[in-house]
Amino acid sequence: MTQLTAMDANFLYAETSTTHVHIAGLGIVDASACPGGRLTVDAVVELIRDRSHLAARPLRQRLVEVPLGLDRPYWEDDPDFDPHRHIFEIALPAPGDDHQLADAVGRLHEQPLDRNRPLWELVIIQGLSGGRTAVYVKAHHAAIDGVMAAETLAALLDLTPEPRDLPADDLEPARAPGRMSMLSTSLLKTAMYPVRSALSMARTAPYLDEIPGVSAIPGVGLMTQVVQGALRRDDVPRAPRTSAPPTSFNLPIGRHRSVAYGDLPLAEVKEIRRVLGGSVNDVVMALCATALRQWLDKRGELPERPLAVGVPVSLRKGEDVGDPGNQVSLMAAPLAVHVADPAERYAAVRRDMDLVKRRFVASSGNWVQELSGIIPTPVAGTLTRLAMSALPALQSVPNVSVRPINLIISNVPGPQFPLYLCGTKVLGYYPISAISDLSGGLNITVFSYDGRVCVGVVACRDLVPAPSEIIDHLTDALAELKDLARPVVIPEPELSPV
C-alpha cells in the first residue's frame, strides 16, 4: 500500500478539459520477426501478464480515493486487473507513412485515461509502411516519472530476440487502508498542516529565485541572497533571471494535440560536443535554440531576449530508482534564441546551462516537492483546478503576463544497444510528453537510443498545427553546428622561387 505524494496528487489535480497530464512513448518495431509478420494484441497481453509484477505499480495498481477528499489518494492492486482492458489495436490507411502515424498519435494523446483502473494504455498501430508496426503507450504522470518509465520499459523489453528468464511473481497484493483508517489519518495530517507548511516555506525561501516566473519579480533575487547570507550559504551562485517573452505557443491551449518525431545521429552530436566543448545536453539545448529561433523568425515573433525554458531533472539516486512517487524537479533556464551568431549562441547556451546546473546542485532542487505540500490536501485539488481554469482567461488580459516559462525541453539518456519487444527489434523510441497553459503549448523531449537521438514534439494543434517544422529545423541546426565544429583548414603558404 502506497499513498500518492503531494507532487503525484498535483498531477491529478492539474487536469482540466484541455490539459491531460499523461506522458507517453511511441515505439516503432520491425514486425517482420513476428509470426505472420504481425505484432498482435494477444502477444502483448501475454507479455504484460508475465511481467506486470516487475513494474507492479504503474501496470497493476489503481487509485483509491480518501472519503470526502480529505487526503491524497492511495494506490492498491486492481483485483480486476486484465491487460486486455488496456491494450487496443488500430490500423493506418494506405500508404501508412510517418505523417499519418504522427496524426494518429496526436489523436490518441489528446484522450484522457480512465481513473477507475490502472492509469496506462497501449495501442498497437498496424499498417505502417516498410513492414513496421508502431506501439503507442501512455501512463499518467501521477503514477510514473521519467526514470520509472524507463524502468517499466526495461521490464517489458529484452536484450535479445529470445525472452529472458523471469523471476517468480511472489508479490503480495497491495491494498489501501480501510475507510475509517484513511479518515483518522487524514484528520491527523490536517491538524499538522500549519507546521508542515511553515517548515516547507522556510526551506523554500533561500531558493525562491529558482522558481520559474518568480525569479523575474523585482527584489526576489536580492531577498534570496539576504536569506542565503543569513544561512551562511554564500557559495550558492545566483540563479539567472528568466522572463518568458510572448510567443504564439503561449496562448491558451485547446483540446487537440499535434505530434511530430524524428532522429538525429548521436555520434554527430557527441562529435560537436567534443570539438566545441560542453555536454551532450548542451548540444541538445543549442539545437533546440536554433530550431526555435528559425520557427519564431519565420512568423515574425523572434524575441529580443531569451526564451524561458523548463528543464526537468530527476532527483533519484542510484539506490532509490524503484522508490515510489515522482522524484523530479525543474530548472528554469534562459534559451538564447535571440542571439544571431551560431558560435555566440552556442557559447551563451553553454554558459547559461552551466550556471543553472551549478545553482541546482547547490540547492538540491527540492523546491518543487516543498511547494507541492504547502496547501492542505482538502483544498489543494479545488485551488489547483481553479488556477488551471483561470490561466487561459488571464493570458488574454493585455499587459498581464502569467507565463513562468515558454516551454519544456527534456533530454533523457537511454540505452545504446538494441532492445526487443515480443521478439521484434525496437527501431526507435520517441517520447511524447504533456503540455498545459502553465508550461506552454509546446514540449520537446529527447531520448537517446541505440546510436540515435530520438526527438518527440507535442503541441496544441490550434497553436502549432505542424510541429514537423521543428523537426526539420533541428536537422538544419545540426548541420549548422557541424559546420561550426568543422576544423578550419589553413592552406600551406606558397613558396616563392629562390
Protein backbone atom coordinates (compact mmCIF):
# COMPACT_ATOMS: atom_id res chain seq x y z
CA MET A 1 0.00 0.00 0.00
CA THR A 2 1.40 3.38 -1.04
CA GLN A 3 -0.07 6.85 -0.77
CA LEU A 4 0.43 9.40 -3.51
CA THR A 5 2.92 12.12 -2.67
CA ALA A 6 1.81 15.75 -2.83
CA MET A 7 3.51 16.07 -6.21
CA ASP A 8 1.79 12.94 -7.54
CA ALA A 9 -1.58 14.29 -6.42
CA ASN A 10 -0.92 17.66 -8.06
CA PHE A 11 -0.57 15.90 -11.41
CA LEU A 12 -4.10 14.61 -10.88
CA TYR A 13 -5.45 17.95 -9.71
CA ALA A 14 -3.95 19.83 -12.67
CA GLU A 15 -6.09 18.03 -15.23
CA THR A 16 -8.79 20.06 -16.96
CA SER A 17 -10.87 19.67 -20.10
CA THR A 18 -7.87 20.83 -22.15
CA THR A 19 -4.96 19.50 -20.07
CA HIS A 20 -4.26 15.80 -19.57
CA VAL A 21 -1.18 15.02 -17.53
CA HIS A 22 -0.01 11.75 -19.02
CA ILE A 23 3.33 11.00 -20.61
CA ALA A 24 3.78 8.60 -23.49
CA GLY A 25 6.21 6.95 -25.83
CA LEU A 26 5.99 5.90 -29.46
CA GLY A 27 7.97 2.77 -30.24
CA ILE A 28 8.48 1.59 -33.80
CA VAL A 29 9.33 -2.09 -34.22
CA ASP A 30 10.30 -4.38 -37.06
CA ALA A 31 7.25 -6.62 -37.23
CA SER A 32 8.81 -8.95 -39.82
CA ALA A 33 10.18 -11.12 -36.98
CA CYS A 34 6.67 -11.78 -35.61
CA PRO A 35 4.72 -14.87 -36.64
CA GLY A 36 2.90 -13.88 -39.80
CA GLY A 37 4.81 -10.59 -39.85
CA ARG A 38 2.37 -9.02 -37.40
CA LEU A 39 2.63 -7.92 -33.77
CA THR A 40 -0.69 -8.92 -32.18
CA VAL A 41 -2.71 -7.78 -29.19
CA ASP A 42 -2.62 -11.31 -27.77
CA ALA A 43 1.18 -11.37 -27.84
CA VAL A 44 1.43 -8.07 -25.94
CA VAL A 45 -1.28 -9.11 -23.46
CA GLU A 46 0.66 -12.28 -22.68
CA LEU A 47 3.84 -10.22 -22.24
CA ILE A 48 2.15 -7.86 -19.77
CA ARG A 49 0.62 -10.77 -17.83
CA ASP A 50 4.01 -12.42 -17.50
CA ARG A 51 5.88 -9.25 -16.50
CA SER A 52 3.45 -6.93 -14.72
CA HIS A 53 4.94 -7.89 -11.35
CA LEU A 54 8.29 -6.42 -12.47
CA ALA A 55 6.69 -2.96 -12.58
CA ALA A 56 3.68 -3.54 -10.37
CA ARG A 57 2.53 -0.04 -9.53
CA PRO A 58 2.45 1.54 -12.98
CA LEU A 59 0.85 -1.57 -14.51
CA ARG A 60 -1.36 -3.22 -11.90
CA GLN A 61 -2.35 -0.58 -9.35
CA ARG A 62 -5.35 1.77 -9.38
CA LEU A 63 -6.34 4.84 -7.38
CA VAL A 64 -8.41 4.65 -4.20
CA GLU A 65 -9.86 7.99 -3.12
CA VAL A 66 -10.00 9.07 0.53
CA PRO A 67 -13.57 9.82 1.74
CA LEU A 68 -14.55 13.48 1.30
CA GLY A 69 -11.20 14.16 -0.40
CA LEU A 70 -9.59 14.86 2.99
CA ASP A 71 -6.25 13.34 2.00
CA ARG A 72 -4.32 12.27 -1.04
CA PRO A 73 -5.43 9.02 -2.73
CA TYR A 74 -3.76 5.64 -2.25
CA TRP A 75 -2.56 3.01 -4.71
CA GLU A 76 -3.75 -0.56 -4.49
CA ASP A 77 -3.61 -3.61 -6.75
CA ASP A 78 -6.64 -3.78 -9.01
CA PRO A 79 -8.41 -7.06 -8.19
CA ASP A 80 -9.92 -6.99 -11.70
CA PHE A 81 -6.64 -6.26 -13.47
CA ASP A 82 -6.74 -7.55 -17.03
CA PRO A 83 -4.26 -6.33 -19.70
CA HIS A 84 -6.99 -6.81 -22.33
CA ARG A 85 -8.73 -3.73 -20.88
CA HIS A 86 -5.67 -1.59 -21.56
CA ILE A 87 -4.40 -2.81 -24.94
CA PHE A 88 -6.02 -1.88 -28.24
CA GLU A 89 -5.26 -2.01 -31.95
CA ILE A 90 -5.85 0.40 -34.81
CA ALA A 91 -4.65 0.50 -38.42
CA LEU A 92 -3.42 3.32 -40.63
CA PRO A 93 -4.91 3.72 -44.10
CA ALA A 94 -2.59 3.30 -47.07
CA PRO A 95 0.13 4.32 -47.64
CA GLY A 96 0.82 4.28 -43.87
CA ASP A 97 3.50 6.94 -43.82
CA ASP A 98 5.08 8.66 -40.83
CA HIS A 99 2.91 11.79 -41.14
CA GLN A 100 -0.21 9.63 -40.84
CA LEU A 101 1.28 7.92 -37.81
CA ALA A 102 2.05 11.27 -36.15
CA ASP A 103 -1.55 12.42 -36.76
CA ALA A 104 -2.92 9.20 -35.25
CA VAL A 105 -0.68 9.55 -32.19
CA GLY A 106 -1.83 13.14 -31.75
CA ARG A 107 -5.45 11.97 -31.62
CA LEU A 108 -4.60 9.20 -29.15
CA HIS A 109 -2.61 11.59 -26.96
CA GLU A 110 -5.50 14.00 -26.51
CA GLN A 111 -7.69 11.31 -24.88
CA PRO A 112 -7.74 11.12 -21.04
CA LEU A 113 -7.07 7.93 -19.11
CA ASP A 114 -9.79 6.10 -17.19
CA ARG A 115 -9.20 6.67 -13.46
CA ASN A 116 -11.25 3.62 -12.48
CA ARG A 117 -8.44 1.25 -13.44
CA PRO A 118 -4.61 1.30 -13.61
CA LEU A 119 -3.57 4.52 -15.33
CA TRP A 120 -2.00 3.28 -18.56
CA GLU A 121 -2.95 2.32 -22.08
CA LEU A 122 -1.17 0.70 -25.03
CA VAL A 123 -2.21 0.92 -28.67
CA ILE A 124 -0.71 -1.22 -31.45
CA ILE A 125 -0.79 0.72 -34.71
CA GLN A 126 -0.76 -1.50 -37.79
CA GLY A 127 -0.35 -0.55 -41.43
CA LEU A 128 2.88 1.43 -41.13
CA SER A 129 4.96 1.29 -44.29
CA GLY A 130 8.16 -0.71 -44.61
CA GLY A 131 6.99 -3.72 -42.59
CA ARG A 132 6.97 -1.68 -39.40
CA THR A 133 4.48 -1.56 -36.54
CA ALA A 134 4.09 1.28 -34.05
CA VAL A 135 3.34 0.88 -30.36
CA TYR A 136 1.97 3.89 -28.50
CA VAL A 137 1.93 3.58 -24.71
CA LYS A 138 0.91 6.23 -22.21
CA ALA A 139 0.74 6.41 -18.42
CA HIS A 140 -0.41 9.09 -16.04
CA HIS A 141 2.30 11.29 -14.56
CA ALA A 142 0.77 10.68 -11.11
CA ALA A 143 1.85 7.06 -11.43
CA ILE A 144 5.20 7.39 -13.12
CA ASP A 145 8.08 9.79 -13.72
CA GLY A 146 10.73 9.63 -16.41
CA VAL A 147 13.06 7.27 -14.58
CA MET A 148 10.21 4.94 -13.58
CA ALA A 149 9.01 4.98 -17.19
CA ALA A 150 12.44 3.78 -18.29
CA GLU A 151 12.39 1.08 -15.60
CA THR A 152 8.95 -0.06 -16.73
CA LEU A 153 10.14 -0.30 -20.32
CA ALA A 154 13.15 -2.30 -19.15
CA ALA A 155 10.75 -4.76 -17.51
CA LEU A 156 8.89 -5.30 -20.79
CA LEU A 157 11.82 -5.34 -23.22
CA ASP A 158 14.63 -7.83 -23.80
CA LEU A 159 18.26 -7.55 -24.87
CA THR A 160 17.87 -10.30 -27.49
CA PRO A 161 15.02 -11.61 -29.64
CA GLU A 162 14.76 -14.51 -27.21
CA PRO A 163 12.87 -13.63 -23.99
CA ARG A 164 14.88 -13.75 -20.79
CA ASP A 165 14.17 -15.85 -17.72
CA LEU A 166 11.85 -14.02 -15.34
CA PRO A 167 11.71 -14.07 -11.53
CA ALA A 168 8.58 -15.55 -10.00
CA ASP A 169 5.63 -13.32 -9.15
CA ASP A 170 5.75 -13.51 -5.36
CA LEU A 171 4.35 -10.04 -4.62
CA GLU A 172 1.56 -9.84 -2.09
CA PRO A 173 -1.42 -7.84 -3.42
CA ALA A 174 -1.27 -4.27 -2.11
CA ARG A 175 -4.47 -3.00 -0.53
CA ALA A 176 -5.45 0.52 0.52
CA PRO A 177 -6.38 1.16 4.18
CA GLY A 178 -10.00 0.92 5.25
CA ARG A 179 -12.24 3.99 5.19
CA MET A 180 -12.02 4.65 8.93
CA SER A 181 -8.26 4.29 8.92
CA MET A 182 -7.97 6.73 5.99
CA LEU A 183 -10.26 9.23 7.73
CA SER A 184 -8.37 9.15 11.03
CA THR A 185 -5.01 9.50 9.29
CA SER A 186 -6.25 12.40 7.17
CA LEU A 187 -7.62 14.27 10.20
CA LEU A 188 -4.28 13.93 11.97
CA LYS A 189 -2.42 15.20 8.91
CA THR A 190 -4.82 18.14 8.56
CA ALA A 191 -4.05 19.18 12.14
CA MET A 192 -0.32 19.11 11.35
CA TYR A 193 -0.55 21.09 8.11
CA PRO A 194 0.23 24.54 9.59
CA VAL A 195 3.53 23.28 11.00
CA ARG A 196 4.44 21.33 7.86
CA SER A 197 3.57 24.26 5.58
CA ALA A 198 5.65 26.67 7.67
CA LEU A 199 8.64 24.32 7.50
CA SER A 200 8.26 23.91 3.73
CA MET A 201 8.09 27.68 3.24
CA ALA A 202 11.20 28.16 5.39
CA ARG A 203 13.11 25.54 3.39
CA THR A 204 11.98 27.13 0.10
CA ALA A 205 12.78 30.76 0.99
CA PRO A 206 16.53 30.62 0.18
CA TYR A 207 15.77 29.33 -3.33
CA LEU A 208 12.74 31.35 -4.43
CA ASP A 209 14.70 32.74 -7.36
CA GLU A 210 14.90 29.23 -8.86
CA ILE A 211 11.13 29.01 -9.28
CA PRO A 212 10.06 29.77 -12.88
CA GLY A 213 8.39 33.15 -13.10
CA VAL A 214 9.26 34.12 -9.52
CA SER A 215 12.87 34.98 -10.42
CA ALA A 216 11.60 37.77 -12.70
CA ILE A 217 9.81 39.55 -9.82
CA PRO A 218 11.82 42.62 -8.75
CA GLY A 219 13.51 42.13 -5.39
CA VAL A 220 13.29 38.34 -5.26
CA GLY A 221 16.93 37.86 -6.21
CA LEU A 222 18.10 40.31 -3.53
CA MET A 223 15.84 38.72 -0.92
CA THR A 224 17.15 35.22 -1.58
CA GLN A 225 20.73 36.49 -1.39
CA VAL A 226 19.99 38.04 2.03
CA VAL A 227 18.43 34.78 3.27
CA GLN A 228 21.34 32.73 1.93
CA GLY A 229 23.78 35.09 3.62
CA ALA A 230 21.96 34.71 6.93
CA LEU A 231 22.19 30.92 6.49
CA ARG A 232 25.89 31.22 5.56
CA ARG A 233 25.20 29.90 2.04
CA ASP A 234 27.41 32.44 0.27
CA ASP A 235 28.70 29.70 -2.04
CA VAL A 236 25.35 29.39 -3.86
CA PRO A 237 25.56 31.06 -7.30
CA ARG A 238 22.79 33.48 -8.15
CA ALA A 239 20.10 31.99 -10.42
CA PRO A 240 19.73 33.65 -13.82
CA ARG A 241 16.72 35.95 -14.06
CA THR A 242 14.32 34.46 -16.57
CA SER A 243 11.28 36.17 -18.04
CA ALA A 244 9.16 34.42 -20.67
CA PRO A 245 8.54 36.59 -23.76
CA PRO A 246 5.26 36.23 -25.65
CA THR A 247 5.06 33.60 -28.41
CA SER A 248 2.22 32.05 -30.37
CA PHE A 249 2.62 28.76 -28.47
CA ASN A 250 1.99 30.54 -25.16
CA LEU A 251 -1.65 31.34 -25.81
CA PRO A 252 -4.44 29.34 -24.12
CA ILE A 253 -4.27 25.72 -25.29
CA GLY A 254 -7.19 23.75 -26.72
CA ARG A 255 -8.25 20.10 -26.51
CA HIS A 256 -6.40 18.82 -29.58
CA ARG A 257 -2.77 17.74 -29.97
CA SER A 258 -0.29 17.69 -32.82
CA VAL A 259 2.73 15.40 -32.73
CA ALA A 260 5.97 15.03 -34.68
CA TYR A 261 9.03 12.84 -34.26
CA GLY A 262 12.44 12.38 -35.85
CA ASP A 263 16.03 11.22 -35.37
CA LEU A 264 19.49 12.76 -35.23
CA PRO A 265 22.77 10.78 -35.22
CA LEU A 266 24.12 10.60 -31.67
CA ALA A 267 27.70 10.23 -32.96
CA GLU A 268 27.46 13.64 -34.66
CA VAL A 269 26.06 15.22 -31.50
CA LYS A 270 28.95 13.77 -29.49
CA GLU A 271 31.50 14.98 -32.05
CA ILE A 272 30.09 18.51 -31.78
CA ARG A 273 30.39 18.27 -28.01
CA ARG A 274 33.99 17.07 -28.31
CA VAL A 275 35.04 19.92 -30.61
CA LEU A 276 33.01 22.80 -29.18
CA GLY A 277 33.03 21.71 -25.54
CA GLY A 278 30.20 21.27 -23.09
CA SER A 279 27.94 18.27 -22.65
CA VAL A 280 25.56 16.31 -24.86
CA ASN A 281 22.73 18.15 -23.11
CA ASP A 282 24.35 21.49 -24.03
CA VAL A 283 24.37 20.43 -27.68
CA VAL A 284 20.71 19.34 -27.46
CA MET A 285 19.72 22.67 -25.91
CA ALA A 286 21.70 24.57 -28.55
CA LEU A 287 19.97 22.58 -31.32
CA CYS A 288 16.60 23.47 -29.80
CA ALA A 289 17.61 27.13 -29.51
CA THR A 290 18.45 27.27 -33.22
CA ALA A 291 15.34 25.35 -34.29
CA LEU A 292 13.05 27.55 -32.20
CA ARG A 293 14.83 30.67 -33.45
CA GLN A 294 14.09 29.63 -37.05
CA TRP A 295 10.47 28.75 -36.22
CA LEU A 296 9.84 32.07 -34.45
CA ASP A 297 11.69 34.12 -37.07
CA LYS A 298 9.52 32.68 -39.87
CA ARG A 299 6.47 34.02 -38.03
CA GLY A 300 7.91 37.41 -37.16
CA GLU A 301 7.94 36.51 -33.45
CA LEU A 302 11.67 36.45 -32.70
CA PRO A 303 12.05 37.99 -29.22
CA GLU A 304 14.80 40.37 -28.17
CA ARG A 305 15.55 38.28 -25.08
CA PRO A 306 15.95 34.56 -24.34
CA LEU A 307 13.05 32.17 -24.05
CA ALA A 308 12.43 30.85 -20.54
CA VAL A 309 12.67 27.06 -20.65
CA GLY A 310 11.77 24.48 -18.02
CA VAL A 311 14.25 21.59 -17.90
CA PRO A 312 13.06 18.57 -15.86
CA VAL A 313 15.68 16.93 -13.66
CA SER A 314 15.38 13.60 -11.87
CA LEU A 315 16.14 13.66 -8.15
CA ARG A 316 16.51 9.88 -7.98
CA LYS A 317 19.84 8.44 -6.93
CA GLY A 318 21.20 5.06 -7.92
CA GLU A 319 19.89 3.35 -4.80
CA ASP A 320 16.33 4.73 -4.94
CA VAL A 321 15.39 4.12 -8.57
CA GLY A 322 12.46 1.98 -7.52
CA ASP A 323 11.18 4.26 -4.76
CA PRO A 324 7.52 5.26 -5.15
CA GLY A 325 6.35 8.72 -6.07
CA ASN A 326 7.54 11.27 -8.57
CA GLN A 327 11.03 12.45 -7.73
CA VAL A 328 11.58 15.21 -10.23
CA SER A 329 12.34 18.90 -10.17
CA LEU A 330 12.57 21.67 -12.75
CA MET A 331 15.39 24.01 -13.69
CA ALA A 332 14.39 27.35 -15.21
CA ALA A 333 16.94 28.26 -17.88
CA PRO A 334 17.26 31.04 -20.45
CA LEU A 335 17.49 29.80 -24.04
CA ALA A 336 19.40 32.17 -26.31
CA VAL A 337 17.12 32.20 -29.36
CA HIS A 338 17.75 35.94 -29.70
CA VAL A 339 21.46 35.54 -30.49
CA ALA A 340 22.05 35.63 -34.24
CA ASP A 341 25.63 34.32 -34.49
CA PRO A 342 25.77 30.48 -34.19
CA ALA A 343 29.05 30.46 -32.25
CA GLU A 344 27.85 33.13 -29.83
CA ARG A 345 24.52 31.32 -29.45
CA TYR A 346 26.24 28.04 -28.60
CA ALA A 347 28.52 29.81 -26.10
CA ALA A 348 25.50 31.51 -24.49
CA VAL A 349 23.66 28.20 -24.14
CA ARG A 350 26.71 26.57 -22.56
CA ARG A 351 27.22 29.48 -20.15
CA ASP A 352 23.57 29.66 -19.11
CA MET A 353 23.19 25.90 -18.64
CA ASP A 354 26.40 25.73 -16.62
CA LEU A 355 25.14 28.46 -14.27
CA VAL A 356 21.71 26.87 -13.91
CA LYS A 357 23.19 23.43 -13.19
CA ARG A 358 25.65 24.79 -10.62
CA ARG A 359 22.83 26.60 -8.85
CA PHE A 360 20.63 23.50 -8.97
CA VAL A 361 23.33 21.29 -7.46
CA ALA A 362 23.85 23.81 -4.64
CA SER A 363 20.15 23.84 -3.73
CA SER A 364 19.29 20.16 -4.47
CA GLY A 365 16.26 21.33 -6.47
CA ASN A 366 13.76 20.40 -3.77
CA TRP A 367 11.54 23.47 -4.20
CA VAL A 368 9.03 21.56 -6.37
CA GLN A 369 8.42 18.95 -3.69
CA GLU A 370 8.34 21.54 -0.91
CA LEU A 371 5.80 23.77 -2.67
CA SER A 372 3.64 20.78 -3.63
CA GLY A 373 2.77 20.14 0.02
CA ILE A 374 2.20 23.70 1.26
CA ILE A 375 -1.56 23.77 0.53
CA PRO A 376 -3.69 21.44 2.69
CA THR A 377 -5.00 18.47 0.71
CA PRO A 378 -8.72 19.12 1.35
CA VAL A 379 -8.48 22.38 -0.65
CA ALA A 380 -5.43 21.65 -2.84
CA GLY A 381 -7.41 19.96 -5.59
CA THR A 382 -10.05 22.70 -5.76
CA LEU A 383 -7.49 25.52 -5.75
CA THR A 384 -5.30 23.84 -8.36
CA ARG A 385 -8.25 23.25 -10.70
CA LEU A 386 -9.43 26.85 -10.23
CA ALA A 387 -5.95 28.15 -11.01
CA MET A 388 -5.62 25.98 -14.11
CA SER A 389 -9.05 27.08 -15.32
CA ALA A 390 -8.28 30.76 -14.71
CA LEU A 391 -4.95 30.74 -16.57
CA PRO A 392 -6.44 30.93 -20.10
CA ALA A 393 -8.54 33.96 -19.13
CA LEU A 394 -5.57 35.72 -17.51
CA GLN A 395 -3.41 35.10 -20.59
CA SER A 396 -5.90 37.10 -22.63
CA VAL A 397 -5.66 40.20 -20.42
CA PRO A 398 -3.49 42.95 -22.01
CA ASN A 399 -0.23 43.78 -20.21
CA VAL A 400 -0.67 40.84 -17.82
CA SER A 401 1.91 38.04 -18.02
CA VAL A 402 1.28 34.75 -16.24
CA ARG A 403 3.90 32.80 -18.19
CA PRO A 404 6.51 31.30 -15.87
CA ILE A 405 8.13 29.54 -18.84
CA ASN A 406 7.65 29.33 -22.61
CA LEU A 407 8.05 25.58 -22.98
CA ILE A 408 9.63 22.45 -21.52
CA ILE A 409 12.66 20.78 -23.10
CA SER A 410 13.75 17.44 -21.66
CA ASN A 411 16.73 15.23 -22.52
CA VAL A 412 16.62 11.64 -21.24
CA PRO A 413 19.65 9.35 -21.79
CA GLY A 414 18.73 5.86 -22.94
CA PRO A 415 20.41 2.55 -23.77
CA GLN A 416 22.92 2.49 -26.61
CA PHE A 417 22.09 -1.03 -27.75
CA PRO A 418 19.05 -2.55 -29.46
CA LEU A 419 16.06 -3.77 -27.45
CA TYR A 420 13.32 -6.24 -28.39
CA LEU A 421 9.58 -6.34 -27.77
CA CYS A 422 7.96 -9.76 -28.14
CA GLY A 423 10.98 -10.82 -30.19
CA THR A 424 10.77 -7.79 -32.53
CA LYS A 425 13.56 -5.24 -32.70
CA VAL A 426 12.71 -1.75 -31.47
CA LEU A 427 13.86 0.55 -34.28
CA GLY A 428 13.19 3.81 -32.42
CA TYR A 429 11.50 5.16 -29.31
CA TYR A 430 10.10 8.71 -29.29
CA PRO A 431 8.91 10.33 -26.02
CA ILE A 432 5.64 12.26 -26.15
CA SER A 433 5.12 14.40 -23.06
CA ALA A 434 2.47 16.82 -21.75
CA ILE A 435 1.55 20.46 -22.35
CA SER A 436 -0.51 22.92 -20.31
CA ASP A 437 -1.34 26.59 -20.06
CA LEU A 438 1.25 26.82 -17.29
CA SER A 439 4.14 25.10 -19.08
CA GLY A 440 3.34 26.25 -22.62
CA GLY A 441 1.63 24.76 -25.64
CA LEU A 442 4.82 23.12 -26.94
CA ASN A 443 7.04 20.40 -25.49
CA ILE A 444 10.25 18.93 -26.91
CA THR A 445 11.53 15.70 -25.35
CA VAL A 446 14.68 13.86 -26.43
CA PHE A 447 15.59 10.23 -25.77
CA SER A 448 18.89 8.71 -26.90
CA TYR A 449 18.61 5.11 -28.07
CA ASP A 450 20.95 2.76 -29.96
CA GLY A 451 23.13 5.44 -31.51
CA ARG A 452 20.39 7.95 -32.28
CA VAL A 453 18.81 10.96 -30.69
CA CYS A 454 15.05 10.33 -30.87
CA VAL A 455 13.05 13.55 -30.68
CA GLY A 456 9.36 13.73 -29.81
CA VAL A 457 7.43 17.00 -30.14
CA VAL A 458 3.90 17.54 -28.86
CA ALA A 459 1.92 20.76 -29.15
CA CYS A 460 -1.53 22.24 -29.03
CA ARG A 461 -2.85 21.73 -32.55
CA ASP A 462 -4.54 25.14 -32.53
CA LEU A 463 -1.24 26.89 -31.79
CA VAL A 464 1.32 24.68 -33.58
CA PRO A 465 -0.56 22.67 -36.23
CA ALA A 466 2.61 21.34 -37.92
CA PRO A 467 5.34 20.57 -35.34
CA SER A 468 7.19 18.61 -38.04
CA GLU A 469 8.65 22.02 -38.96
CA ILE A 470 10.55 21.96 -35.69
CA ILE A 471 11.98 18.53 -36.55
CA ASP A 472 13.15 19.95 -39.90
CA HIS A 473 14.69 22.94 -38.14
CA LEU A 474 16.53 20.61 -35.75
CA THR A 475 18.11 18.92 -38.77
CA ASP A 476 19.16 22.35 -40.07
CA ALA A 477 20.50 23.24 -36.62
CA LEU A 478 22.62 20.08 -36.55
CA ALA A 479 24.13 20.98 -39.94
CA GLU A 480 24.90 24.48 -38.64
CA LEU A 481 26.71 23.15 -35.57
CA LYS A 482 28.59 20.59 -37.67
CA ASP A 483 29.87 23.44 -39.84
CA LEU A 484 30.84 25.33 -36.71
CA ALA A 485 32.69 22.30 -35.34
CA ARG A 486 34.45 21.52 -38.60
CA PRO A 487 38.19 22.24 -38.18
CA VAL A 488 39.44 25.20 -40.13
CA VAL A 489 41.99 24.10 -42.73
CA ILE A 490 44.72 26.70 -43.16
CA PRO A 491 46.31 26.37 -46.61
CA GLU A 492 50.05 26.00 -46.82
CA PRO A 493 51.76 29.23 -47.91
CA GLU A 494 53.06 29.22 -51.44
CA LEU A 495 56.85 29.39 -51.59
CA SER A 496 58.36 31.91 -53.95
CA PRO A 497 61.12 30.56 -56.16
CA VAL A 498 64.60 31.47 -54.97
